[in-house]
C-alpha atoms as a PDB file:
ATOM      1  CA  MET A   1      10.420  -7.011  15.409  1.00  0.00           C
ATOM      2  CA  LEU A   2      11.422  -7.654  11.802  1.00  0.00           C
ATOM      3  CA  ASP A   3      14.021 -10.191  10.777  1.00  0.00           C
ATOM      4  CA  ARG A   4      17.249  -8.292  10.126  1.00  0.00           C
ATOM      5  CA  ASN A   5      17.546  -9.658   6.599  1.00  0.00           C
ATOM      6  CA  ILE A   6      13.980  -8.606   5.739  1.00  0.00           C
ATOM      7  CA  GLU A   7      14.591  -5.181   7.236  1.00  0.00           C
ATOM      8  CA  LYS A   8      17.687  -4.798   5.081  1.00  0.00           C
ATOM      9  CA  CYS A   9      15.734  -6.005   2.062  1.00  0.00           C
ATOM     10  CA  ILE A  10      12.861  -3.557   2.381  1.00  0.00           C
ATOM     11  CA  GLN A  11      15.336  -0.708   2.836  1.00  0.00           C
ATOM     12  CA  LYS A  12      16.960  -1.782  -0.436  1.00  0.00           C
ATOM     13  CA  VAL A  13      13.545  -1.894  -2.129  1.00  0.00           C
ATOM     14  CA  ALA A  14      12.689   1.557  -0.791  1.00  0.00           C
ATOM     15  CA  GLY A  15      15.950   3.076  -1.970  1.00  0.00           C
ATOM     16  CA  PHE A  16      15.562   1.545  -5.421  1.00  0.00           C
ATOM     17  CA  TYR A  17      12.064   2.893  -6.022  1.00  0.00           C
ATOM     18  CA  ASP A  18      12.733   6.289  -4.483  1.00  0.00           C
ATOM     19  CA  LEU A  19      15.309   6.869  -7.232  1.00  0.00           C
ATOM     20  CA  LYS A  20      12.535   6.193  -9.776  1.00  0.00           C
ATOM     21  CA  LYS A  21      10.111   8.882  -8.648  1.00  0.00           C
ATOM     22  CA  VAL A  22       8.647  11.089 -11.367  1.00  0.00           C
ATOM     23  CA  GLY A  23       7.314  14.029  -9.367  1.00  0.00           C
ATOM     24  CA  ASP A  24       3.869  15.599  -9.360  1.00  0.00           C
ATOM     25  CA  ILE A  25       3.911  17.021 -12.884  1.00  0.00           C
ATOM     26  CA  GLY A  26       5.578  15.728 -16.032  1.00  0.00           C
ATOM     27  CA  PRO A  27       5.025  14.828 -19.667  1.00  0.00           C
ATOM     28  CA  LEU A  28       2.475  12.206 -18.600  1.00  0.00           C
ATOM     29  CA  GLY A  29       0.544  14.627 -16.422  1.00  0.00           C
ATOM     30  CA  PHE A  30      -0.214  14.759 -12.711  1.00  0.00           C
ATOM     31  CA  ARG A  31       1.278  11.906 -10.743  1.00  0.00           C
ATOM     32  CA  ARG A  32       2.488  11.148  -7.232  1.00  0.00           C
ATOM     33  CA  SER A  33       4.582   8.302  -5.855  1.00  0.00           C
ATOM     34  CA  THR A  34       4.876   7.206  -2.237  1.00  0.00           C
ATOM     35  CA  ASP A  35       8.291   7.881  -0.728  1.00  0.00           C
ATOM     36  CA  LEU A  36       9.059   4.319   0.345  1.00  0.00           C
ATOM     37  CA  THR A  37      11.955   5.269   2.611  1.00  0.00           C
ATOM     38  CA  ARG A  38       9.612   7.500   4.551  1.00  0.00           C
ATOM     39  CA  LEU A  39       6.937   4.802   4.590  1.00  0.00           C
ATOM     40  CA  CYS A  40       9.501   2.307   5.930  1.00  0.00           C
ATOM     41  CA  SER A  41       9.983   4.547   8.964  1.00  0.00           C
ATOM     42  CA  CYS A  42       6.312   3.886   9.834  1.00  0.00           C
ATOM     43  CA  ILE A  43       6.514   0.084   9.681  1.00  0.00           C
ATOM     44  CA  GLU A  44       7.888  -0.500  13.186  1.00  0.00           C
ATOM     45  CA  TYR A  45       4.946   1.430  14.650  1.00  0.00           C
ATOM     46  CA  LEU A  46       2.453  -0.527  12.533  1.00  0.00           C
ATOM     47  CA  ILE A  47       3.891  -3.838  13.719  1.00  0.00           C
ATOM     48  CA  ASP A  48       4.291  -2.797  17.368  1.00  0.00           C
ATOM     49  CA  GLN A  49       0.659  -1.667  17.487  1.00  0.00           C
ATOM     50  CA  LYS A  50      -0.452  -4.911  15.782  1.00  0.00           C
ATOM     51  CA  ILE A  51      -1.964  -2.881  12.947  1.00  0.00           C
ATOM     52  CA  LEU A  52       0.139  -4.952  10.564  1.00  0.00           C
ATOM     53  CA  VAL A  53       0.625  -8.619  11.435  1.00  0.00           C
ATOM     54  CA  PRO A  54       3.632  -9.966   9.489  1.00  0.00           C
ATOM     55  CA  GLY A  55       2.762 -12.941   7.326  1.00  0.00           C
ATOM     56  CA  GLU A  56      -0.954 -12.704   8.115  1.00  0.00           C
ATOM     57  CA  SER A  57      -2.357  -9.333   7.035  1.00  0.00           C
ATOM     58  CA  LEU A  58      -4.109  -8.990   3.670  1.00  0.00           C
ATOM     59  CA  PHE A  59      -3.177  -5.689   2.000  1.00  0.00           C
ATOM     60  CA  LEU A  60      -4.964  -3.668  -0.696  1.00  0.00           C
ATOM     61  CA  ASP A  61      -3.487  -0.536  -2.295  1.00  0.00           C
ATOM     62  CA  MET A  62      -6.417   1.312  -3.882  1.00  0.00           C
ATOM     63  CA  GLY A  63      -4.250   3.369  -6.238  1.00  0.00           C
ATOM     64  CA  CYS A  64      -1.074   1.370  -6.633  1.00  0.00           C
ATOM     65  CA  GLY A  65       0.633   3.202  -9.515  1.00  0.00           C
ATOM     66  CA  ASP A  66       3.621   1.121 -10.586  1.00  0.00           C
ATOM     67  CA  GLY A  67       3.134  -1.284  -7.674  1.00  0.00           C
ATOM     68  CA  ARG A  68       6.006  -0.046  -5.520  1.00  0.00           C
ATOM     69  CA  VAL A  69       4.052  -0.108  -2.243  1.00  0.00           C
ATOM     70  CA  ASN A  70       2.789  -3.589  -3.089  1.00  0.00           C
ATOM     71  CA  VAL A  71       6.349  -4.797  -3.622  1.00  0.00           C
ATOM     72  CA  LEU A  72       7.452  -3.314  -0.294  1.00  0.00           C
ATOM     73  CA  PHE A  73       4.517  -4.814   1.594  1.00  0.00           C
ATOM     74  CA  SER A  74       4.908  -8.187  -0.101  1.00  0.00           C
ATOM     75  CA  TYR A  75       7.698  -8.904   2.406  1.00  0.00           C
ATOM     76  CA  LEU A  76       5.400  -8.089   5.318  1.00  0.00           C
ATOM     77  CA  VAL A  77       1.940  -9.451   4.497  1.00  0.00           C
ATOM     78  CA  LYS A  78       0.239 -12.639   3.360  1.00  0.00           C
ATOM     79  CA  ARG A  79      -1.154 -11.154   0.126  1.00  0.00           C
ATOM     80  CA  SER A  80      -0.361  -7.801  -1.490  1.00  0.00           C
ATOM     81  CA  ILE A  81      -3.055  -6.647  -3.927  1.00  0.00           C
ATOM     82  CA  GLY A  82      -3.093  -3.397  -5.901  1.00  0.00           C
ATOM     83  CA  ILE A  83      -5.502  -1.526  -8.158  1.00  0.00           C
ATOM     84  CA  GLU A  84      -4.483   1.148 -10.655  1.00  0.00           C
ATOM     85  CA  MET A  85      -6.743   3.001 -13.073  1.00  0.00           C
ATOM     86  CA  ASP A  86      -3.994   4.182 -15.444  1.00  0.00           C
ATOM     87  CA  LYS A  87      -2.741   1.257 -17.500  1.00  0.00           C
ATOM     88  CA  TRP A  88       0.365   3.092 -18.689  1.00  0.00           C
ATOM     89  CA  THR A  89       1.433   3.512 -15.058  1.00  0.00           C
ATOM     90  CA  LEU A  90       0.681  -0.104 -14.203  1.00  0.00           C
ATOM     91  CA  ASP A  91       2.695  -1.213 -17.240  1.00  0.00           C
ATOM     92  CA  GLU A  92       5.830   0.020 -15.447  1.00  0.00           C
ATOM     93  CA  TYR A  93       5.412  -2.614 -12.729  1.00  0.00           C
ATOM     94  CA  ILE A  94       7.064  -5.556 -14.503  1.00  0.00           C
ATOM     95  CA  PRO A  95      10.153  -3.779 -15.940  1.00  0.00           C
ATOM     96  CA  LEU A  96      10.819  -1.974 -12.660  1.00  0.00           C
ATOM     97  CA  LYS A  97      10.403  -5.167 -10.662  1.00  0.00           C
ATOM     98  CA  ARG A  98      12.823  -7.017 -12.942  1.00  0.00           C
ATOM     99  CA  GLU A  99      15.385  -4.245 -12.504  1.00  0.00           C
ATOM    100  CA  LEU A 100      14.863  -4.393  -8.735  1.00  0.00           C
ATOM    101  CA  GLU A 101      15.378  -8.158  -8.694  1.00  0.00           C
ATOM    102  CA  VAL A 102      18.769  -7.755 -10.380  1.00  0.00           C
ATOM    103  CA  ALA A 103      19.786  -5.246  -7.709  1.00  0.00           C
ATOM    104  CA  LEU A 104      18.586  -7.555  -4.931  1.00  0.00           C
ATOM    105  CA  GLU A 105      20.432 -10.549  -6.363  1.00  0.00           C
ATOM    106  CA  GLU A 106      23.634  -8.508  -6.506  1.00  0.00           C
ATOM    107  CA  ASP A 107      23.352  -8.021  -2.733  1.00  0.00           C
ATOM    108  CA  SER A 108      22.212 -11.626  -2.110  1.00  0.00           C
ATOM    109  CA  LEU A 109      18.888 -10.391  -0.781  1.00  0.00           C
ATOM    110  CA  PRO A 110      15.567 -12.257  -1.142  1.00  0.00           C
ATOM    111  CA  LEU A 111      13.385 -11.391  -4.129  1.00  0.00           C
ATOM    112  CA  PRO A 112       9.821 -10.138  -3.570  1.00  0.00           C
ATOM    113  CA  PRO A 113       7.545 -13.021  -2.540  1.00  0.00           C
ATOM    114  CA  ASP A 114       5.116 -14.442  -5.074  1.00  0.00           C
ATOM    115  CA  ASN A 115       2.114 -12.917  -3.311  1.00  0.00           C
ATOM    116  CA  ILE A 116       1.533  -9.783  -5.408  1.00  0.00           C
ATOM    117  CA  SER A 117      -1.449  -9.325  -7.729  1.00  0.00           C
ATOM    118  CA  LEU A 118      -2.122  -6.027  -9.506  1.00  0.00           C
ATOM    119  CA  PHE A 119      -5.292  -5.081 -11.371  1.00  0.00           C
ATOM    120  CA  ASN A 120      -6.073  -2.365 -13.905  1.00  0.00           C
ATOM    121  CA  GLY A 121      -9.364  -0.651 -13.087  1.00  0.00           C
ATOM    122  CA  ASP A 122     -11.308   1.715 -10.855  1.00  0.00           C
ATOM    123  CA  SER A 123     -11.130   1.058  -7.109  1.00  0.00           C
ATOM    124  CA  MET A 124     -14.733   2.270  -6.833  1.00  0.00           C
ATOM    125  CA  ASP A 125     -16.006  -0.288  -9.373  1.00  0.00           C
ATOM    126  CA  SER A 126     -17.792  -3.196  -7.686  1.00  0.00           C
ATOM    127  CA  ASP A 127     -17.337  -5.382 -10.794  1.00  0.00           C
ATOM    128  CA  LEU A 128     -13.565  -5.099 -10.445  1.00  0.00           C
ATOM    129  CA  TYR A 129     -13.736  -6.755  -7.029  1.00  0.00           C
ATOM    130  CA  LYS A 130     -15.498  -9.693  -8.629  1.00  0.00           C
ATOM    131  CA  SER A 131     -12.458 -10.095 -10.892  1.00  0.00           C
ATOM    132  CA  ILE A 132     -10.125  -9.815  -7.921  1.00  0.00           C
ATOM    133  CA  TYR A 133     -12.103 -12.501  -6.108  1.00  0.00           C
ATOM    134  CA  HIS A 134     -12.029 -14.728  -9.196  1.00  0.00           C
ATOM    135  CA  ASP A 135      -8.232 -14.451  -9.420  1.00  0.00           C
ATOM    136  CA  THR A 136      -7.277 -14.399  -5.735  1.00  0.00           C
ATOM    137  CA  CYS A 137     -10.277 -15.787  -3.794  1.00  0.00           C
ATOM    138  CA  LEU A 138     -10.209 -12.570  -1.763  1.00  0.00           C
ATOM    139  CA  GLY A 139     -13.341 -10.473  -1.369  1.00  0.00           C
ATOM    140  CA  PHE A 140     -13.376  -6.837  -0.305  1.00  0.00           C
ATOM    141  CA  GLU A 141     -14.451  -7.922   3.162  1.00  0.00           C
ATOM    142  CA  ASP A 142     -11.356 -10.133   3.548  1.00  0.00           C
ATOM    143  CA  PHE A 143      -8.762  -7.363   3.508  1.00  0.00           C
ATOM    144  CA  ASP A 144      -7.233  -6.214   6.780  1.00  0.00           C
ATOM    145  CA  LEU A 145      -5.276  -3.227   5.475  1.00  0.00           C
ATOM    146  CA  PHE A 146      -6.368  -0.639   2.907  1.00  0.00           C
ATOM    147  CA  TYR A 147      -3.895   1.950   1.635  1.00  0.00           C
ATOM    148  CA  THR A 148      -4.046   5.045  -0.541  1.00  0.00           C
ATOM    149  CA  TYR A 149      -2.142   8.175  -1.360  1.00  0.00           C
ATOM    150  CA  LEU A 150      -4.124  11.211  -0.223  1.00  0.00           C
ATOM    151  CA  THR A 151      -6.006  11.440  -3.527  1.00  0.00           C
ATOM    152  CA  MET A 152      -9.642  10.241  -3.252  1.00  0.00           C
ATOM    153  CA  HIS A 153      -9.260   9.233   0.398  1.00  0.00           C
ATOM    154  CA  GLU A 154     -12.772  10.443   1.238  1.00  0.00           C
ATOM    155  CA  GLU A 155     -14.385   8.328  -1.493  1.00  0.00           C
ATOM    156  CA  PHE A 156     -12.335   5.287  -0.506  1.00  0.00           C
ATOM    157  CA  ALA A 157     -13.171   5.827   3.167  1.00  0.00           C
ATOM    158  CA  GLU A 158     -16.884   5.751   2.369  1.00  0.00           C
ATOM    159  CA  LEU A 159     -16.479   2.517   0.407  1.00  0.00           C
ATOM    160  CA  ILE A 160     -14.469   0.884   3.199  1.00  0.00           C
ATOM    161  CA  ALA A 161     -16.945   2.068   5.834  1.00  0.00           C
ATOM    162  CA  HIS A 162     -19.766   0.362   3.940  1.00  0.00           C
ATOM    163  CA  ARG A 163     -18.112  -2.801   2.620  1.00  0.00           C
ATOM    164  CA  ALA A 164     -15.035  -3.726   4.661  1.00  0.00           C
ATOM    165  CA  LYS A 165     -15.102  -5.882   7.761  1.00  0.00           C
ATOM    166  CA  LYS A 166     -15.236  -4.383  11.221  1.00  0.00           C
ATOM    167  CA  ASN A 167     -11.815  -3.301  12.517  1.00  0.00           C
ATOM    168  CA  ALA A 168     -10.349  -3.100   8.998  1.00  0.00           C
ATOM    169  CA  ILE A 169      -7.528  -0.580   8.829  1.00  0.00           C
ATOM    170  CA  PHE A 170      -7.391   2.351   6.398  1.00  0.00           C
ATOM    171  CA  MET A 171      -3.980   4.016   5.933  1.00  0.00           C
ATOM    172  CA  ILE A 172      -3.703   7.366   4.177  1.00  0.00           C
ATOM    173  CA  TYR A 173      -0.283   8.510   2.978  1.00  0.00           C
ATOM    174  CA  GLY A 174       0.468  12.144   2.190  1.00  0.00           C
ATOM    175  CA  LEU A 175      -1.092  13.965   5.130  1.00  0.00           C
ATOM    176  CA  ASN A 176       0.857  16.690   6.845  1.00  0.00           C
ATOM    177  CA  ARG A 177       0.414  16.824  10.633  1.00  0.00           C
ATOM    178  CA  ILE A 178      -3.399  16.950  10.613  1.00  0.00           C
ATOM    179  CA  THR A 179      -5.586  13.832  10.441  1.00  0.00           C
ATOM    180  CA  PRO A 180      -9.093  14.529   9.131  1.00  0.00           C
ATOM    181  CA  ARG A 181     -12.177  12.999  10.720  1.00  0.00           C
ATOM    182  CA  LEU A 182     -13.742  10.163   8.701  1.00  0.00           C
ATOM    183  CA  ASP A 183     -17.263   8.904   9.343  1.00  0.00           C
ATOM    184  CA  GLY A 184     -17.315   5.280  10.473  1.00  0.00           C
ATOM    185  CA  PHE A 185     -13.685   5.276  11.612  1.00  0.00           C
ATOM    186  CA  GLU A 186     -11.671   5.920  14.742  1.00  0.00           C
ATOM    187  CA  LYS A 187      -8.261   7.541  14.458  1.00  0.00           C
ATOM    188  CA  LEU A 188      -5.387   5.364  15.615  1.00  0.00           C
ATOM    189  CA  THR A 189      -2.955   8.211  14.989  1.00  0.00           C
ATOM    190  CA  ILE A 190      -4.799  10.631  17.253  1.00  0.00           C
ATOM    191  CA  HIS A 191      -2.432  13.570  17.601  1.00  0.00           C
ATOM    192  CA  LYS A 192      -0.608  13.523  14.262  1.00  0.00           C
ATOM    193  CA  PRO A 193       0.209  11.120  11.414  1.00  0.00           C
ATOM    194  CA  ILE A 194       3.113   8.693  11.849  1.00  0.00           C
ATOM    195  CA  GLN A 195       6.282  10.502  10.763  1.00  0.00           C
ATOM    196  CA  GLU A 196       3.889  13.358   9.891  1.00  0.00           C
ATOM    197  CA  ILE A 197       2.922  11.504   6.698  1.00  0.00           C
ATOM    198  CA  LEU A 198       0.808   8.382   7.410  1.00  0.00           C
ATOM    199  CA  ALA A 199      -2.591   8.525   9.124  1.00  0.00           C
ATOM    200  CA  VAL A 200      -4.171   5.286  10.344  1.00  0.00           C
ATOM    201  CA  TYR A 201      -7.872   4.639  10.922  1.00  0.00           C
ATOM    202  CA  ARG A 202      -9.899   1.640  12.126  1.00  0.00           C
ATOM    203  CA  ARG A 203     -13.389   0.890  10.830  1.00  0.00           C
ATOM    204  CA  ILE A 204     -15.772   0.823  13.790  1.00  0.00           C
ATOM    205  CA  ASN A 205     -19.248   0.127  12.360  1.00  0.00           C
END
């Protein structure tokens, strides 16, 4: 069960970022953003099932965009790490976060914890994880929770199956009712994704 103040805070964060969505197609090309309000509706399940352990889990978003999911999860996890290939998207992180902090202060809500680290690069690049380890002392095998929008989920699943620790969790956002089979994983959302949007897998090998 989440602290009421934290619950109120993450709802505020979700509402703020959901007003900043850019859609799938625009002047900067193809792009998708997680609907944080919808993702928030999955959090109670994740905590109840001990998939997410507040204050202890180590979280990695493998395509973090402007860092919005990392900001949301910063209230829930020990460390919130993100990787984004497109620098121009990642550059939006700081100005958006500053704007969010003003909105939070106006409502006397806590600012995002100082546990977020975002990196520009390719989530499939092994050298990038050396940089992440250098800056955070976290190796790929240390993360408990991996997250991605639907894009490239098969490639990320293969990487996690080979390099992550046993029982690591892989969460895929953007599915609609059906959860695909992934080699090396068991489905924790057996019948359908949580809120028909978030599928959860556990590494078994």
